[in-house]
Amino acid sequence: MCGHRYDEHTGEDRSCPDGSGRTFLKHVQSLAGTTSFGEPELDVLEFILKGLMRGGDPRMATRHKAFPGVCRKIQNMKAQVARRKQERDAG
């Protein structure tokens, strides 16, 4: 994502003000694959939360087959947030 608000994208196609030629929709679509969770990943997160609320051990979730996918997505999200923050601070 470019870091610009939706209303900063101009024109009929909502082109990005950074001059990249990308539209707001393209920015959102580029993030969709890395920032959304599928049903198996949501099951893992739900399992962890329920376990924590009961005073359980979240390490049990590592046995779930979707756990590595959750970890990768969270790392991708953290990297995107850090990259956006760095771009915003540099700009």
PDB file of N, CA and C in Angstrom:
ATOM      1  N   MET A   1       0.847  -1.172   0.000  1.00  0.00           N
ATOM      2  CA  MET A   1       0.000   0.000   0.000  1.00  0.00           C
ATOM      3  C   MET A   1       0.888   1.229   0.000  1.00  0.00           C
ATOM      4  N   CYS A   2       0.443   2.252  -0.647  1.00  0.00           N
ATOM      5  CA  CYS A   2       1.262   3.439  -0.849  1.00  0.00           C
ATOM      6  C   CYS A   2       1.304   4.350   0.373  1.00  0.00           C
ATOM      7  N   GLY A   3       0.346   4.255   1.262  1.00  0.00           N
ATOM      8  CA  GLY A   3       0.318   5.109   2.440  1.00  0.00           C
ATOM      9  C   GLY A   3      -0.598   6.311   2.294  1.00  0.00           C
ATOM     10  N   HIS A   4      -1.123   6.520   1.093  1.00  0.00           N
ATOM     11  CA  HIS A   4      -2.047   7.621   0.875  1.00  0.00           C
ATOM     12  C   HIS A   4      -3.475   7.182   1.200  1.00  0.00           C
ATOM     13  N   ARG A   5      -4.254   8.136   1.716  1.00  0.00           N
ATOM     14  CA  ARG A   5      -5.656   7.849   1.995  1.00  0.00           C
ATOM     15  C   ARG A   5      -6.415   7.681   0.690  1.00  0.00           C
ATOM     16  N   TYR A   6      -7.566   7.045   0.764  1.00  0.00           N
ATOM     17  CA  TYR A   6      -8.395   6.817  -0.415  1.00  0.00           C
ATOM     18  C   TYR A   6      -8.723   8.133  -1.115  1.00  0.00           C
ATOM     19  N   ASP A   7      -9.081   9.163  -0.338  1.00  0.00           N
ATOM     20  CA  ASP A   7      -9.481  10.422  -0.967  1.00  0.00           C
ATOM     21  C   ASP A   7      -8.318  11.179  -1.591  1.00  0.00           C
ATOM     22  N   GLU A   8      -7.086  10.772  -1.337  1.00  0.00           N
ATOM     23  CA  GLU A   8      -5.922  11.386  -1.977  1.00  0.00           C
ATOM     24  C   GLU A   8      -5.676  10.793  -3.361  1.00  0.00           C
ATOM     25  N   HIS A   9      -6.261   9.654  -3.650  1.00  0.00           N
ATOM     26  CA  HIS A   9      -6.155   9.049  -4.972  1.00  0.00           C
ATOM     27  C   HIS A   9      -7.136   9.779  -5.883  1.00  0.00           C
ATOM     28  N   THR A  10      -6.631  10.294  -6.996  1.00  0.00           N
ATOM     29  CA  THR A  10      -7.426  11.204  -7.810  1.00  0.00           C
ATOM     30  C   THR A  10      -7.836  10.595  -9.135  1.00  0.00           C
ATOM     31  N   GLY A  11      -8.732  11.283  -9.798  1.00  0.00           N
ATOM     32  CA  GLY A  11      -9.179  10.868 -11.110  1.00  0.00           C
ATOM     33  C   GLY A  11     -10.270   9.824 -11.037  1.00  0.00           C
ATOM     34  N   GLU A  12     -10.788   9.506 -12.178  1.00  0.00           N
ATOM     35  CA  GLU A  12     -11.872   8.542 -12.263  1.00  0.00           C
ATOM     36  C   GLU A  12     -11.448   7.156 -11.784  1.00  0.00           C
ATOM     37  N   ASP A  13     -10.189   6.783 -12.062  1.00  0.00           N
ATOM     38  CA  ASP A  13      -9.707   5.458 -11.675  1.00  0.00           C
ATOM     39  C   ASP A  13      -9.007   5.453 -10.320  1.00  0.00           C
ATOM     40  N   ARG A  14      -9.020   6.601  -9.639  1.00  0.00           N
ATOM     41  CA  ARG A  14      -8.379   6.736  -8.329  1.00  0.00           C
ATOM     42  C   ARG A  14      -6.884   6.422  -8.403  1.00  0.00           C
ATOM     43  N   SER A  15      -6.176   7.112  -9.313  1.00  0.00           N
ATOM     44  CA  SER A  15      -4.733   6.922  -9.474  1.00  0.00           C
ATOM     45  C   SER A  15      -3.985   7.429  -8.255  1.00  0.00           C
ATOM     46  N   CYS A  16      -2.886   6.766  -7.955  1.00  0.00           N
ATOM     47  CA  CYS A  16      -2.080   7.111  -6.789  1.00  0.00           C
ATOM     48  C   CYS A  16      -1.313   8.411  -7.023  1.00  0.00           C
ATOM     49  N   PRO A  17      -1.254   9.280  -6.002  1.00  0.00           N
ATOM     50  CA  PRO A  17      -0.524  10.534  -6.162  1.00  0.00           C
ATOM     51  C   PRO A  17       0.996  10.357  -6.198  1.00  0.00           C
ATOM     52  N   ASP A  18       1.503   9.152  -5.929  1.00  0.00           N
ATOM     53  CA  ASP A  18       2.958   8.953  -5.956  1.00  0.00           C
ATOM     54  C   ASP A  18       3.502   8.796  -7.370  1.00  0.00           C
ATOM     55  N   GLY A  19       2.611   8.828  -8.361  1.00  0.00           N
ATOM     56  CA  GLY A  19       3.042   8.749  -9.749  1.00  0.00           C
ATOM     57  C   GLY A  19       3.340   7.341 -10.236  1.00  0.00           C
ATOM     58  N   SER A  20       2.997   6.342  -9.455  1.00  0.00           N
ATOM     59  CA  SER A  20       3.279   4.958  -9.833  1.00  0.00           C
ATOM     60  C   SER A  20       2.337   4.454 -10.914  1.00  0.00           C
ATOM     61  N   GLY A  21       1.225   5.154 -11.108  1.00  0.00           N
ATOM     62  CA  GLY A  21       0.238   4.717 -12.077  1.00  0.00           C
ATOM     63  C   GLY A  21      -0.703   3.655 -11.534  1.00  0.00           C
ATOM     64  N   ARG A  22      -0.488   3.233 -10.303  1.00  0.00           N
ATOM     65  CA  ARG A  22      -1.359   2.239  -9.696  1.00  0.00           C
ATOM     66  C   ARG A  22      -2.593   2.906  -9.143  1.00  0.00           C
ATOM     67  N   THR A  23      -3.677   2.182  -9.174  1.00  0.00           N
ATOM     68  CA  THR A  23      -4.920   2.704  -8.623  1.00  0.00           C
ATOM     69  C   THR A  23      -5.072   2.214  -7.193  1.00  0.00           C
ATOM     70  N   PHE A  24      -5.993   2.836  -6.479  1.00  0.00           N
ATOM     71  CA  PHE A  24      -6.248   2.429  -5.105  1.00  0.00           C
ATOM     72  C   PHE A  24      -6.659   0.960  -5.052  1.00  0.00           C
ATOM     73  N   LEU A  25      -7.472   0.542  -6.002  1.00  0.00           N
ATOM     74  CA  LEU A  25      -7.911  -0.851  -6.053  1.00  0.00           C
ATOM     75  C   LEU A  25      -6.728  -1.792  -6.213  1.00  0.00           C
ATOM     76  N   LYS A  26      -5.767  -1.437  -7.058  1.00  0.00           N
ATOM     77  CA  LYS A  26      -4.577  -2.271  -7.254  1.00  0.00           C
ATOM     78  C   LYS A  26      -3.768  -2.374  -5.971  1.00  0.00           C
ATOM     79  N   HIS A  27      -3.670  -1.267  -5.234  1.00  0.00           N
ATOM     80  CA  HIS A  27      -2.964  -1.300  -3.951  1.00  0.00           C
ATOM     81  C   HIS A  27      -3.637  -2.284  -2.991  1.00  0.00           C
ATOM     82  N   VAL A  28      -4.951  -2.190  -2.909  1.00  0.00           N
ATOM     83  CA  VAL A  28      -5.702  -3.065  -2.004  1.00  0.00           C
ATOM     84  C   VAL A  28      -5.566  -4.523  -2.433  1.00  0.00           C
ATOM     85  N   GLN A  29      -5.656  -4.777  -3.731  1.00  0.00           N
ATOM     86  CA  GLN A  29      -5.536  -6.143  -4.221  1.00  0.00           C
ATOM     87  C   GLN A  29      -4.144  -6.711  -3.946  1.00  0.00           C
ATOM     88  N   SER A  30      -3.118  -5.883  -4.002  1.00  0.00           N
ATOM     89  CA  SER A  30      -1.766  -6.375  -3.753  1.00  0.00           C
ATOM     90  C   SER A  30      -1.584  -6.788  -2.298  1.00  0.00           C
ATOM     91  N   LEU A  31      -2.351  -6.182  -1.397  1.00  0.00           N
ATOM     92  CA  LEU A  31      -2.257  -6.542   0.019  1.00  0.00           C
ATOM     93  C   LEU A  31      -3.149  -7.714   0.395  1.00  0.00           C
ATOM     94  N   ALA A  32      -4.172  -7.954  -0.384  1.00  0.00           N
ATOM     95  CA  ALA A  32      -5.184  -8.934  -0.001  1.00  0.00           C
ATOM     96  C   ALA A  32      -4.609 -10.319   0.245  1.00  0.00           C
ATOM     97  N   GLY A  33      -3.667 -10.741  -0.546  1.00  0.00           N
ATOM     98  CA  GLY A  33      -3.104 -12.070  -0.383  1.00  0.00           C
ATOM     99  C   GLY A  33      -2.280 -12.233   0.879  1.00  0.00           C
ATOM    100  N   THR A  34      -1.694 -11.165   1.373  1.00  0.00           N
ATOM    101  CA  THR A  34      -0.825 -11.283   2.527  1.00  0.00           C
ATOM    102  C   THR A  34      -1.477 -10.847   3.830  1.00  0.00           C
ATOM    103  N   THR A  35      -2.592 -10.157   3.757  1.00  0.00           N
ATOM    104  CA  THR A  35      -3.190  -9.648   4.989  1.00  0.00           C
ATOM    105  C   THR A  35      -4.544 -10.250   5.311  1.00  0.00           C
ATOM    106  N   SER A  36      -4.926 -11.273   4.590  1.00  0.00           N
ATOM    107  CA  SER A  36      -6.197 -11.906   4.900  1.00  0.00           C
ATOM    108  C   SER A  36      -5.944 -13.346   5.350  1.00  0.00           C
ATOM    109  N   PHE A  37      -6.806 -13.820   6.208  1.00  0.00           N
ATOM    110  CA  PHE A  37      -6.677 -15.169   6.734  1.00  0.00           C
ATOM    111  C   PHE A  37      -7.779 -16.051   6.166  1.00  0.00           C
ATOM    112  N   GLY A  38      -7.421 -17.260   5.805  1.00  0.00           N
ATOM    113  CA  GLY A  38      -8.393 -18.237   5.354  1.00  0.00           C
ATOM    114  C   GLY A  38      -8.994 -18.972   6.538  1.00  0.00           C
ATOM    115  N   GLU A  39      -9.940 -19.842   6.271  1.00  0.00           N
ATOM    116  CA  GLU A  39     -10.628 -20.564   7.341  1.00  0.00           C
ATOM    117  C   GLU A  39      -9.686 -21.403   8.205  1.00  0.00           C
ATOM    118  N   PRO A  40      -8.726 -22.165   7.632  1.00  0.00           N
ATOM    119  CA  PRO A  40      -7.831 -22.941   8.491  1.00  0.00           C
ATOM    120  C   PRO A  40      -6.991 -22.064   9.413  1.00  0.00           C
ATOM    121  N   GLU A  41      -6.558 -20.914   8.887  1.00  0.00           N
ATOM    122  CA  GLU A  41      -5.753 -20.012   9.711  1.00  0.00           C
ATOM    123  C   GLU A  41      -6.589 -19.381  10.814  1.00  0.00           C
ATOM    124  N   LEU A  42      -7.841 -19.064  10.508  1.00  0.00           N
ATOM    125  CA  LEU A  42      -8.735 -18.536  11.543  1.00  0.00           C
ATOM    126  C   LEU A  42      -8.996 -19.581  12.616  1.00  0.00           C
ATOM    127  N   ASP A  43      -9.079 -20.844  12.229  1.00  0.00           N
ATOM    128  CA  ASP A  43      -9.249 -21.923  13.206  1.00  0.00           C
ATOM    129  C   ASP A  43      -8.070 -21.962  14.177  1.00  0.00           C
ATOM    130  N   VAL A  44      -6.860 -21.795  13.651  1.00  0.00           N
ATOM    131  CA  VAL A  44      -5.670 -21.796  14.513  1.00  0.00           C
ATOM    132  C   VAL A  44      -5.723 -20.624  15.481  1.00  0.00           C
ATOM    133  N   LEU A  45      -6.030 -19.441  14.974  1.00  0.00           N
ATOM    134  CA  LEU A  45      -6.091 -18.262  15.846  1.00  0.00           C
ATOM    135  C   LEU A  45      -7.171 -18.413  16.908  1.00  0.00           C
ATOM    136  N   GLU A  46      -8.311 -18.961  16.518  1.00  0.00           N
ATOM    137  CA  GLU A  46      -9.386 -19.192  17.478  1.00  0.00           C
ATOM    138  C   GLU A  46      -8.949 -20.198  18.549  1.00  0.00           C
ATOM    139  N   PHE A  47      -8.256 -21.251  18.125  1.00  0.00           N
ATOM    140  CA  PHE A  47      -7.757 -22.266  19.054  1.00  0.00           C
ATOM    141  C   PHE A  47      -6.801 -21.635  20.071  1.00  0.00           C
ATOM    142  N   ILE A  48      -5.907 -20.780  19.581  1.00  0.00           N
ATOM    143  CA  ILE A  48      -4.950 -20.121  20.476  1.00  0.00           C
ATOM    144  C   ILE A  48      -5.675 -19.225  21.472  1.00  0.00           C
ATOM    145  N   LEU A  49      -6.616 -18.414  20.976  1.00  0.00           N
ATOM    146  CA  LEU A  49      -7.336 -17.492  21.859  1.00  0.00           C
ATOM    147  C   LEU A  49      -8.169 -18.227  22.899  1.00  0.00           C
ATOM    148  N   LYS A  50      -8.877 -19.259  22.469  1.00  0.00           N
ATOM    149  CA  LYS A  50      -9.680 -20.026  23.429  1.00  0.00           C
ATOM    150  C   LYS A  50      -8.785 -20.665  24.480  1.00  0.00           C
ATOM    151  N   GLY A  51      -7.661 -21.194  24.044  1.00  0.00           N
ATOM    152  CA  GLY A  51      -6.736 -21.809  24.990  1.00  0.00           C
ATOM    153  C   GLY A  51      -6.188 -20.811  25.992  1.00  0.00           C
ATOM    154  N   LEU A  52      -5.838 -19.631  25.523  1.00  0.00           N
ATOM    155  CA  LEU A  52      -5.317 -18.596  26.421  1.00  0.00           C
ATOM    156  C   LEU A  52      -6.375 -18.135  27.411  1.00  0.00           C
ATOM    157  N   MET A  53      -7.623 -18.018  26.941  1.00  0.00           N
ATOM    158  CA  MET A  53      -8.697 -17.577  27.842  1.00  0.00           C
ATOM    159  C   MET A  53      -8.961 -18.613  28.935  1.00  0.00           C
ATOM    160  N   ARG A  54      -8.679 -19.866  28.637  1.00  0.00           N
ATOM    161  CA  ARG A  54      -8.873 -20.934  29.638  1.00  0.00           C
ATOM    162  C   ARG A  54      -7.625 -21.157  30.483  1.00  0.00           C
ATOM    163  N   GLY A  55      -6.578 -20.377  30.234  1.00  0.00           N
ATOM    164  CA  GLY A  55      -5.343 -20.540  30.981  1.00  0.00           C
ATOM    165  C   GLY A  55      -4.453 -21.635  30.415  1.00  0.00           C
ATOM    166  N   GLY A  56      -4.697 -22.002  29.169  1.00  0.00           N
ATOM    167  CA  GLY A  56      -3.929 -23.071  28.531  1.00  0.00           C
ATOM    168  C   GLY A  56      -2.611 -22.594  27.942  1.00  0.00           C
ATOM    169  N   ASP A  57      -1.962 -23.500  27.260  1.00  0.00           N
ATOM    170  CA  ASP A  57      -0.651 -23.255  26.677  1.00  0.00           C
ATOM    171  C   ASP A  57      -0.786 -23.070  25.162  1.00  0.00           C
ATOM    172  N   PRO A  58      -0.424 -21.893  24.631  1.00  0.00           N
ATOM    173  CA  PRO A  58      -0.579 -21.661  23.190  1.00  0.00           C
ATOM    174  C   PRO A  58       0.367 -22.499  22.323  1.00  0.00           C
ATOM    175  N   ARG A  59       1.353 -23.139  22.932  1.00  0.00           N
ATOM    176  CA  ARG A  59       2.291 -23.959  22.148  1.00  0.00           C
ATOM    177  C   ARG A  59       1.607 -25.164  21.519  1.00  0.00           C
ATOM    178  N   MET A  60       0.446 -25.543  22.013  1.00  0.00           N
ATOM    179  CA  MET A  60      -0.290 -26.663  21.419  1.00  0.00           C
ATOM    180  C   MET A  60      -0.693 -26.350  19.976  1.00  0.00           C
ATOM    181  N   ALA A  61      -0.845 -25.072  19.656  1.00  0.00           N
ATOM    182  CA  ALA A  61      -1.266 -24.678  18.309  1.00  0.00           C
ATOM    183  C   ALA A  61      -0.216 -25.000  17.253  1.00  0.00           C
ATOM    184  N   THR A  62       1.029 -25.170  17.650  1.00  0.00           N
ATOM    185  CA  THR A  62       2.083 -25.451  16.682  1.00  0.00           C
ATOM    186  C   THR A  62       1.855 -26.780  15.979  1.00  0.00           C
ATOM    187  N   ARG A  63       1.025 -27.632  16.524  1.00  0.00           N
ATOM    188  CA  ARG A  63       0.731 -28.929  15.910  1.00  0.00           C
ATOM    189  C   ARG A  63      -0.302 -28.833  14.790  1.00  0.00           C
ATOM    190  N   HIS A  64      -1.014 -27.724  14.735  1.00  0.00           N
ATOM    191  CA  HIS A  64      -2.042 -27.540  13.709  1.00  0.00           C
ATOM    192  C   HIS A  64      -1.363 -27.320  12.364  1.00  0.00           C
ATOM    193  N   LYS A  65      -1.889 -27.957  11.316  1.00  0.00           N
ATOM    194  CA  LYS A  65      -1.237 -27.895  10.003  1.00  0.00           C
ATOM    195  C   LYS A  65      -1.239 -26.488   9.396  1.00  0.00           C
ATOM    196  N   ALA A  66      -2.136 -25.613   9.819  1.00  0.00           N
ATOM    197  CA  ALA A  66      -2.192 -24.257   9.273  1.00  0.00           C
ATOM    198  C   ALA A  66      -1.343 -23.268  10.063  1.00  0.00           C
ATOM    199  N   PHE A  67      -0.706 -23.712  11.140  1.00  0.00           N
ATOM    200  CA  PHE A  67       0.067 -22.814  11.983  1.00  0.00           C
ATOM    201  C   PHE A  67       1.207 -22.120  11.230  1.00  0.00           C
ATOM    202  N   PRO A  68       1.991 -22.826  10.411  1.00  0.00           N
ATOM    203  CA  PRO A  68       3.066 -22.134   9.675  1.00  0.00           C
ATOM    204  C   PRO A  68       2.539 -21.016   8.765  1.00  0.00           C
ATOM    205  N   GLY A  69       1.372 -21.222   8.157  1.00  0.00           N
ATOM    206  CA  GLY A  69       0.783 -20.181   7.310  1.00  0.00           C
ATOM    207  C   GLY A  69       0.422 -18.940   8.103  1.00  0.00           C
ATOM    208  N   VAL A  70      -0.086 -19.133   9.306  1.00  0.00           N
ATOM    209  CA  VAL A  70      -0.423 -18.006  10.174  1.00  0.00           C
ATOM    210  C   VAL A  70       0.850 -17.235  10.513  1.00  0.00           C
ATOM    211  N   CYS A  71       1.895 -17.954  10.859  1.00  0.00           N
ATOM    212  CA  CYS A  71       3.163 -17.306  11.205  1.00  0.00           C
ATOM    213  C   CYS A  71       3.719 -16.503  10.031  1.00  0.00           C
ATOM    214  N   ARG A  72       3.671 -17.076   8.828  1.00  0.00           N
ATOM    215  CA  ARG A  72       4.172 -16.363   7.643  1.00  0.00           C
ATOM    216  C   ARG A  72       3.364 -15.099   7.382  1.00  0.00           C
ATOM    217  N   LYS A  73       2.049 -15.190   7.499  1.00  0.00           N
ATOM    218  CA  LYS A  73       1.220 -14.013   7.236  1.00  0.00           C
ATOM    219  C   LYS A  73       1.472 -12.917   8.268  1.00  0.00           C
ATOM    220  N   ILE A  74       1.633 -13.301   9.502  1.00  0.00           N
ATOM    221  CA  ILE A  74       1.902 -12.305  10.539  1.00  0.00           C
ATOM    222  C   ILE A  74       3.249 -11.634  10.278  1.00  0.00           C
ATOM    223  N   GLN A  75       4.264 -12.406   9.884  1.00  0.00           N
ATOM    224  CA  GLN A  75       5.558 -11.815   9.558  1.00  0.00           C
ATOM    225  C   GLN A  75       5.451 -10.878   8.357  1.00  0.00           C
ATOM    226  N   ASN A  76       4.664 -11.261   7.346  1.00  0.00           N
ATOM    227  CA  ASN A  76       4.447 -10.390   6.189  1.00  0.00           C
ATOM    228  C   ASN A  76       3.759  -9.096   6.596  1.00  0.00           C
ATOM    229  N   MET A  77       2.762  -9.209   7.474  1.00  0.00           N
ATOM    230  CA  MET A  77       2.054  -8.021   7.933  1.00  0.00           C
ATOM    231  C   MET A  77       2.995  -7.086   8.689  1.00  0.00           C
ATOM    232  N   LYS A  78       3.816  -7.653   9.569  1.00  0.00           N
ATOM    233  CA  LYS A  78       4.770  -6.840  10.322  1.00  0.00           C
ATOM    234  C   LYS A  78       5.755  -6.148   9.392  1.00  0.00           C
ATOM    235  N   ALA A  79       6.221  -6.852   8.371  1.00  0.00           N
ATOM    236  CA  ALA A  79       7.161  -6.263   7.416  1.00  0.00           C
ATOM    237  C   ALA A  79       6.505  -5.129   6.634  1.00  0.00           C
ATOM    238  N   GLN A  80       5.247  -5.311   6.244  1.00  0.00           N
ATOM    239  CA  GLN A  80       4.544  -4.259   5.510  1.00  0.00           C
ATOM    240  C   GLN A  80       4.352  -3.018   6.374  1.00  0.00           C
ATOM    241  N   VAL A  81       3.996  -3.226   7.631  1.00  0.00           N
ATOM    242  CA  VAL A  81       3.808  -2.095   8.539  1.00  0.00           C
ATOM    243  C   VAL A  81       5.133  -1.354   8.723  1.00  0.00           C
ATOM    244  N   ALA A  82       6.216  -2.091   8.921  1.00  0.00           N
ATOM    245  CA  ALA A  82       7.529  -1.469   9.096  1.00  0.00           C
ATOM    246  C   ALA A  82       7.954  -0.718   7.837  1.00  0.00           C
ATOM    247  N   ARG A  83       7.697  -1.317   6.666  1.00  0.00           N
ATOM    248  CA  ARG A  83       8.066  -0.681   5.400  1.00  0.00           C
ATOM    249  C   ARG A  83       7.267   0.611   5.205  1.00  0.00           C
ATOM    250  N   ARG A  84       5.970   0.566   5.502  1.00  0.00           N
ATOM    251  CA  ARG A  84       5.139   1.764   5.356  1.00  0.00           C
ATOM    252  C   ARG A  84       5.595   2.869   6.316  1.00  0.00           C
ATOM    253  N   LYS A  85       5.930   2.464   7.543  1.00  0.00           N
ATOM    254  CA  LYS A  85       6.388   3.436   8.523  1.00  0.00           C
ATOM    255  C   LYS A  85       7.698   4.059   8.071  1.00  0.00           C
ATOM    256  N   GLN A  86       8.596   3.250   7.557  1.00  0.00           N
ATOM    257  CA  GLN A  86       9.885   3.741   7.065  1.00  0.00           C
ATOM    258  C   GLN A  86       9.680   4.697   5.888  1.00  0.00           C
ATOM    259  N   GLU A  87       8.802   4.334   4.954  1.00  0.00           N
ATOM    260  CA  GLU A  87       8.527   5.201   3.807  1.00  0.00           C
ATOM    261  C   GLU A  87       7.896   6.514   4.258  1.00  0.00           C
ATOM    262  N   ARG A  88       7.000   6.439   5.235  1.00  0.00           N
ATOM    263  CA  ARG A  88       6.336   7.636   5.732  1.00  0.00           C
ATOM    264  C   ARG A  88       7.336   8.536   6.437  1.00  0.00           C
ATOM    265  N   ASP A  89       8.251   7.948   7.214  1.00  0.00           N
ATOM    266  CA  ASP A  89       9.259   8.748   7.939  1.00  0.00           C
ATOM    267  C   ASP A  89      10.276   9.353   6.972  1.00  0.00           C
ATOM    268  N   ALA A  90      10.582   8.637   5.910  1.00  0.00           N
ATOM    269  CA  ALA A  90      11.564   9.135   4.931  1.00  0.00           C
ATOM    270  C   ALA A  90      10.962  10.222   4.051  1.00  0.00           C
ATOM    271  N   GLY A  91       9.654  10.143   3.828  1.00  0.00           N
ATOM    272  CA  GLY A  91       8.979  11.060   2.902  1.00  0.00           C
ATOM    273  C   GLY A  91       8.594  12.305   3.548  1.00  0.00           C
TER     274      GLY A  91
END
